[in-house]
Amino acid sequence: MRGRGNGLDAESFKPLTDLDPEAADVMLVALRDAGVAAYVSTLEPRDPDEEPEQIERLWVDAAATSRARAILRSLTEPSSPRARAKEPTAGPADIPSVEPPRAQSAEPADDDAGAPAERPGDDEVWAQIVASFDNEVSDPVPRWPVAEDLGGERPGPEGPADGSFKVGLPTAAGPRDYSLAPPGPPVINELDEDPDEHFVPPPPPPLPKTDAATKIAWIALVGGPLYLLVSVLLGRAVGPWTSFAAFAAFTGGFVALVARMRRDRDEDDPDDGAVV
């Protein structure tokens, strides 16, 4: 939303900075005198519950942004007490860096004090670390707990006689100070001899018993066509009565088996759902 202006107009505007109302009025007058179009708009707080801050954003002519910045710098100098501006996006990079005061040495400065000191190489730093490894440190506070200090003296350079690398072991027993048990019989043999682990499948159920009528129906169903097939293969003549008897046996056996099929569904039951 456009607010107060300095009476000049431009095609496009660009935000320059955020100011309090008094400094914004000063900038509008200064920009009008310099021929730069500008106006200010009131900033709305981000949180509706927060108390609104009296801060206005200054918009200037996009083509004269550099001139507007020069005027802003001239007004924000210490000689101008009414200018109190702050950038709209202030971050850590806008905070001026302050160098800590250097300790003054009592000795006179050398001529080469201004020259930067050469950084030691990696080999020199490593040599210093190795050389200072065995030096005793006289710090008031220990660098590690006293309970972790190893008791006794360090072993000599000859090391243990068995050629191992166990040097500087503590006198107290540790979690790995144990002896292995002598080898015994393999455990697999003991597991194989356990009768509880052997699975014996149950015996298969007996075959269902078939009545005499069903057996006769199967014999008639299979025997009639089988007799005709064997007679044809052997080249024997088959009479009309024999053929009729074979066909009648096949038909009668088929009808008997279909009629004797078990019915799991009641005929009077109106439910025709699937039977699982």
Protein backbone atom coordinates (compact mmCIF):
# COMPACT_ATOMS: atom_id res chain seq x y z
CA MET A 1 0.00 0.00 0.00
CA ARG A 2 1.49 3.33 -1.08
CA GLY A 3 1.89 5.99 1.61
CA ARG A 4 3.34 9.47 1.74
CA GLY A 5 5.37 10.70 -1.22
CA ASN A 6 7.63 13.63 -2.04
CA GLY A 7 5.51 14.92 -4.95
CA LEU A 8 7.59 13.28 -7.71
CA ASP A 9 6.58 10.27 -9.82
CA ALA A 10 8.51 7.51 -11.59
CA GLU A 11 7.78 4.43 -13.72
CA SER A 12 8.97 1.88 -11.14
CA PHE A 13 10.09 2.00 -7.55
CA LYS A 14 12.56 -0.13 -5.58
CA PRO A 15 12.82 -0.55 -1.77
CA LEU A 16 15.86 1.17 -0.33
CA THR A 17 15.75 0.92 3.48
CA ASP A 18 13.53 0.96 6.58
CA LEU A 19 13.30 4.17 8.62
CA ASP A 20 11.42 5.60 11.53
CA PRO A 21 8.82 8.28 10.60
CA GLU A 22 11.09 11.25 11.44
CA ALA A 23 14.01 9.96 9.37
CA ALA A 24 11.60 9.04 6.55
CA ASP A 25 10.35 12.66 6.36
CA VAL A 26 13.95 13.92 6.22
CA MET A 27 14.78 11.50 3.39
CA LEU A 28 11.67 12.47 1.41
CA VAL A 29 12.63 16.15 1.55
CA ALA A 30 16.27 15.42 0.63
CA LEU A 31 15.25 13.19 -2.30
CA ARG A 32 12.76 15.78 -3.54
CA ASP A 33 15.50 18.42 -3.53
CA ALA A 34 17.73 16.03 -5.51
CA GLY A 35 14.95 15.31 -8.04
CA VAL A 36 14.49 11.62 -7.04
CA ALA A 37 10.92 10.30 -6.78
CA ALA A 38 10.20 8.46 -3.52
CA TYR A 39 7.46 7.45 -1.12
CA VAL A 40 7.16 5.53 2.17
CA SER A 41 4.84 2.69 3.24
CA THR A 42 4.06 1.50 6.74
CA LEU A 43 5.30 -2.02 7.54
CA GLU A 44 2.75 -4.42 8.98
CA PRO A 45 3.88 -6.66 11.89
CA ARG A 46 4.43 -10.35 11.10
CA ASP A 47 2.54 -11.48 14.21
CA PRO A 48 -0.98 -9.99 14.53
CA ASP A 49 -0.74 -10.16 18.34
CA GLU A 50 2.56 -8.24 18.34
CA GLU A 51 2.51 -4.51 19.01
CA PRO A 52 3.07 -2.66 15.70
CA GLU A 53 6.46 -0.95 15.40
CA GLN A 54 6.70 2.55 13.99
CA ILE A 55 8.86 1.60 11.00
CA GLU A 56 8.32 2.75 7.40
CA ARG A 57 9.90 1.40 4.24
CA LEU A 58 11.39 3.89 1.79
CA TRP A 59 10.76 3.27 -1.91
CA VAL A 60 12.79 5.22 -4.47
CA ASP A 61 12.96 5.51 -8.25
CA ALA A 62 14.53 2.30 -9.61
CA ALA A 63 16.58 4.32 -12.11
CA ALA A 64 18.05 6.56 -9.38
CA THR A 65 18.85 3.98 -6.70
CA SER A 66 22.55 4.83 -6.59
CA ARG A 67 21.82 8.55 -6.10
CA ALA A 68 19.35 7.70 -3.33
CA ARG A 69 21.94 5.53 -1.56
CA ALA A 70 24.47 8.38 -1.74
CA ILE A 71 21.96 10.76 -0.15
CA LEU A 72 21.15 8.17 2.52
CA ARG A 73 24.85 7.74 3.37
CA SER A 74 25.30 11.49 3.64
CA LEU A 75 22.41 11.71 6.08
CA THR A 76 23.47 8.70 8.19
CA GLU A 77 26.90 10.15 8.98
CA PRO A 78 27.56 11.05 12.64
CA SER A 79 27.16 14.71 11.76
CA SER A 80 23.48 14.08 10.97
CA PRO A 81 21.73 13.27 14.29
CA ARG A 82 18.23 12.83 12.83
CA ALA A 83 19.10 9.93 10.56
CA ARG A 84 18.46 6.57 12.12
CA ALA A 85 18.11 3.98 9.38
CA LYS A 86 18.24 0.24 9.29
CA GLU A 87 18.37 -2.11 6.33
CA PRO A 88 15.26 -4.24 5.64
CA THR A 89 17.25 -7.49 5.60
CA ALA A 90 19.92 -7.32 8.24
CA GLY A 91 21.94 -10.47 8.83
CA PRO A 92 25.11 -11.64 10.51
CA ALA A 93 27.16 -10.26 7.61
CA ASP A 94 26.02 -6.68 8.48
CA ILE A 95 27.53 -6.87 11.99
CA PRO A 96 30.93 -5.17 11.99
CA SER A 97 33.79 -7.37 13.01
CA VAL A 98 35.83 -6.25 16.01
CA GLU A 99 39.34 -7.52 16.47
CA PRO A 100 40.29 -8.44 20.05
CA PRO A 101 43.00 -6.30 21.60
CA ARG A 102 46.43 -7.77 21.17
CA ALA A 103 48.64 -8.30 24.16
CA GLN A 104 51.39 -5.69 24.34
CA SER A 105 54.82 -7.15 24.80
CA ALA A 106 57.32 -5.55 27.15
CA GLU A 107 60.15 -6.30 24.71
CA PRO A 108 60.81 -3.84 21.89
CA ALA A 109 59.32 -4.81 18.57
CA ASP A 110 61.72 -6.11 15.96
CA ASP A 111 61.93 -4.78 12.47
CA ASP A 112 60.46 -8.01 11.09
CA ALA A 113 57.46 -7.97 13.43
CA GLY A 114 55.12 -6.90 10.64
CA ALA A 115 56.07 -9.87 8.42
CA PRO A 116 53.70 -12.85 8.66
CA ALA A 117 55.13 -15.90 10.43
CA GLU A 118 55.68 -18.97 8.30
CA ARG A 119 53.36 -21.85 9.07
CA PRO A 120 55.24 -25.00 10.12
CA GLY A 121 54.88 -28.00 7.88
CA ASP A 122 53.08 -31.23 8.73
CA ASP A 123 56.35 -33.09 9.32
CA GLU A 124 57.52 -30.48 11.81
CA VAL A 125 54.22 -30.53 13.70
CA TRP A 126 54.26 -34.34 13.87
CA ALA A 127 57.85 -34.32 15.11
CA GLN A 128 56.91 -31.88 17.88
CA ILE A 129 53.96 -34.09 18.94
CA VAL A 130 56.15 -37.19 19.09
CA ALA A 131 58.89 -35.36 20.98
CA SER A 132 56.47 -34.01 23.59
CA PHE A 133 54.67 -37.33 24.10
CA ASP A 134 56.73 -38.42 27.12
CA ASN A 135 56.99 -34.96 28.67
CA GLU A 136 55.30 -34.47 32.02
CA VAL A 137 52.53 -31.88 32.02
CA SER A 138 52.21 -29.63 35.06
CA ASP A 139 48.57 -28.66 34.52
CA PRO A 140 46.53 -27.75 37.62
CA VAL A 141 43.64 -29.84 36.27
CA PRO A 142 44.42 -33.37 34.98
CA ARG A 143 43.65 -33.96 31.32
CA TRP A 144 41.96 -37.33 32.09
CA PRO A 145 40.51 -38.98 35.21
CA VAL A 146 43.04 -40.22 37.75
CA ALA A 147 41.26 -43.61 37.82
CA GLU A 148 42.40 -44.22 34.24
CA ASP A 149 46.08 -43.87 35.10
CA LEU A 150 47.94 -47.18 34.72
CA GLY A 151 49.65 -48.47 37.81
CA GLY A 152 53.23 -49.65 37.93
CA GLU A 153 56.14 -48.69 35.75
CA ARG A 154 56.24 -48.98 32.00
CA PRO A 155 57.82 -52.12 30.57
CA GLY A 156 61.30 -51.99 29.22
CA PRO A 157 62.14 -51.67 25.54
CA GLU A 158 62.70 -55.40 25.24
CA GLY A 159 58.95 -56.16 25.71
CA PRO A 160 57.51 -59.57 26.64
CA ALA A 161 59.46 -62.72 25.91
CA ASP A 162 56.70 -64.46 23.92
CA GLY A 163 56.85 -61.85 21.13
CA SER A 164 53.32 -60.51 21.67
CA PHE A 165 52.30 -56.87 21.71
CA LYS A 166 50.87 -56.86 25.26
CA VAL A 167 52.86 -54.02 26.79
CA GLY A 168 51.84 -51.76 29.65
CA LEU A 169 48.98 -53.97 30.90
CA PRO A 170 47.38 -52.84 34.20
CA THR A 171 48.03 -54.88 37.32
CA ALA A 172 44.29 -55.34 38.01
CA ALA A 173 42.35 -58.03 36.19
CA GLY A 174 40.46 -56.86 33.13
CA PRO A 175 37.42 -58.16 31.25
CA ARG A 176 39.65 -60.19 28.87
CA ASP A 177 41.84 -61.81 31.54
CA TYR A 178 40.40 -65.32 31.36
CA SER A 179 41.56 -68.72 30.19
CA LEU A 180 39.81 -70.81 27.60
CA ALA A 181 38.22 -74.09 28.61
CA PRO A 182 39.86 -77.30 27.29
CA PRO A 183 38.32 -78.62 24.10
CA GLY A 184 35.66 -81.28 24.62
CA PRO A 185 33.47 -83.46 22.43
CA PRO A 186 31.54 -81.61 19.73
CA VAL A 187 28.11 -80.46 20.74
CA ILE A 188 26.61 -81.57 17.41
CA ASN A 189 26.89 -85.24 18.37
CA GLU A 190 25.02 -84.59 21.60
CA LEU A 191 22.25 -82.83 19.74
CA ASP A 192 21.91 -85.72 17.27
CA GLU A 193 21.46 -88.21 20.09
CA ASP A 194 18.61 -86.26 21.68
CA PRO A 195 15.38 -88.24 21.03
CA ASP A 196 13.20 -85.16 21.47
CA GLU A 197 14.63 -83.55 18.35
CA HIS A 198 13.70 -86.51 16.04
CA PHE A 199 10.38 -86.04 14.22
CA VAL A 200 8.34 -89.15 13.47
CA PRO A 201 5.43 -88.51 11.07
CA PRO A 202 2.10 -90.02 12.02
CA PRO A 203 0.87 -93.08 10.04
CA PRO A 204 -1.28 -92.25 6.99
CA PRO A 205 -5.04 -92.65 7.41
CA PRO A 206 -6.61 -95.85 5.95
CA LEU A 207 -8.31 -95.77 2.57
CA PRO A 208 -12.08 -95.28 2.65
CA LYS A 209 -14.13 -98.47 2.32
CA THR A 210 -16.30 -98.86 -0.77
CA ASP A 211 -19.57 -100.77 -0.78
CA ALA A 212 -20.40 -103.58 -3.28
CA ALA A 213 -22.78 -101.46 -5.41
CA THR A 214 -20.11 -98.83 -6.05
CA LYS A 215 -17.54 -101.48 -7.00
CA ILE A 216 -19.98 -103.12 -9.49
CA ALA A 217 -20.76 -99.68 -11.03
CA TRP A 218 -17.02 -99.00 -11.56
CA ILE A 219 -16.47 -102.44 -13.09
CA ALA A 220 -19.39 -101.92 -15.51
CA LEU A 221 -18.20 -98.41 -16.39
CA VAL A 222 -14.66 -99.49 -17.18
CA GLY A 223 -15.23 -103.11 -18.25
CA GLY A 224 -17.65 -102.46 -21.15
CA PRO A 225 -15.41 -100.10 -23.17
CA LEU A 226 -12.29 -102.09 -22.20
CA TYR A 227 -13.84 -105.33 -23.60
CA LEU A 228 -14.65 -103.65 -26.91
CA LEU A 229 -11.14 -102.16 -27.15
CA VAL A 230 -9.41 -105.51 -26.48
CA SER A 231 -11.64 -107.32 -29.01
CA VAL A 232 -10.78 -104.80 -31.73
CA LEU A 233 -7.04 -105.02 -30.99
CA LEU A 234 -7.08 -108.82 -31.09
CA GLY A 235 -9.17 -108.92 -34.29
CA ARG A 236 -12.06 -110.81 -32.83
CA ALA A 237 -15.57 -110.40 -34.17
CA VAL A 238 -17.98 -108.66 -31.80
CA GLY A 239 -21.65 -109.58 -32.14
CA PRO A 240 -24.50 -107.13 -31.86
CA TRP A 241 -25.62 -108.49 -28.49
CA THR A 242 -22.11 -108.30 -27.13
CA SER A 243 -21.76 -104.70 -28.26
CA PHE A 244 -25.14 -103.84 -26.75
CA ALA A 245 -24.17 -105.49 -23.46
CA ALA A 246 -20.88 -103.54 -23.29
CA PHE A 247 -22.63 -100.25 -24.06
CA ALA A 248 -25.39 -101.02 -21.55
CA ALA A 249 -22.81 -101.84 -18.86
CA PHE A 250 -20.99 -98.53 -19.49
CA THR A 251 -24.23 -96.55 -19.38
CA GLY A 252 -25.56 -98.32 -16.31
CA GLY A 253 -22.28 -97.89 -14.37
CA PHE A 254 -22.12 -94.18 -15.22
CA VAL A 255 -25.74 -93.59 -14.16
CA ALA A 256 -25.23 -95.56 -10.93
CA LEU A 257 -22.12 -93.57 -9.94
CA VAL A 258 -23.82 -90.25 -10.63
CA ALA A 259 -26.89 -91.29 -8.69
CA ARG A 260 -24.82 -92.42 -5.68
CA MET A 261 -22.81 -89.17 -5.43
CA ARG A 262 -22.84 -87.71 -1.90
CA ARG A 263 -24.95 -84.62 -1.49
CA ASP A 264 -23.75 -82.21 1.21
CA ARG A 265 -26.55 -79.71 0.62
CA ASP A 266 -30.16 -80.18 1.65
CA GLU A 267 -32.61 -80.04 -1.23
CA ASP A 268 -35.14 -78.15 0.88
CA ASP A 269 -32.61 -75.47 1.79
CA PRO A 270 -33.42 -72.28 -0.21
CA ASP A 271 -29.83 -71.04 0.14
CA ASP A 272 -27.95 -71.83 -3.11
CA GLY A 273 -24.62 -70.47 -1.88
CA ALA A 274 -21.32 -72.12 -2.67
CA VAL A 275 -20.32 -75.09 -0.51
CA VAL A 276 -16.65 -75.08 0.53
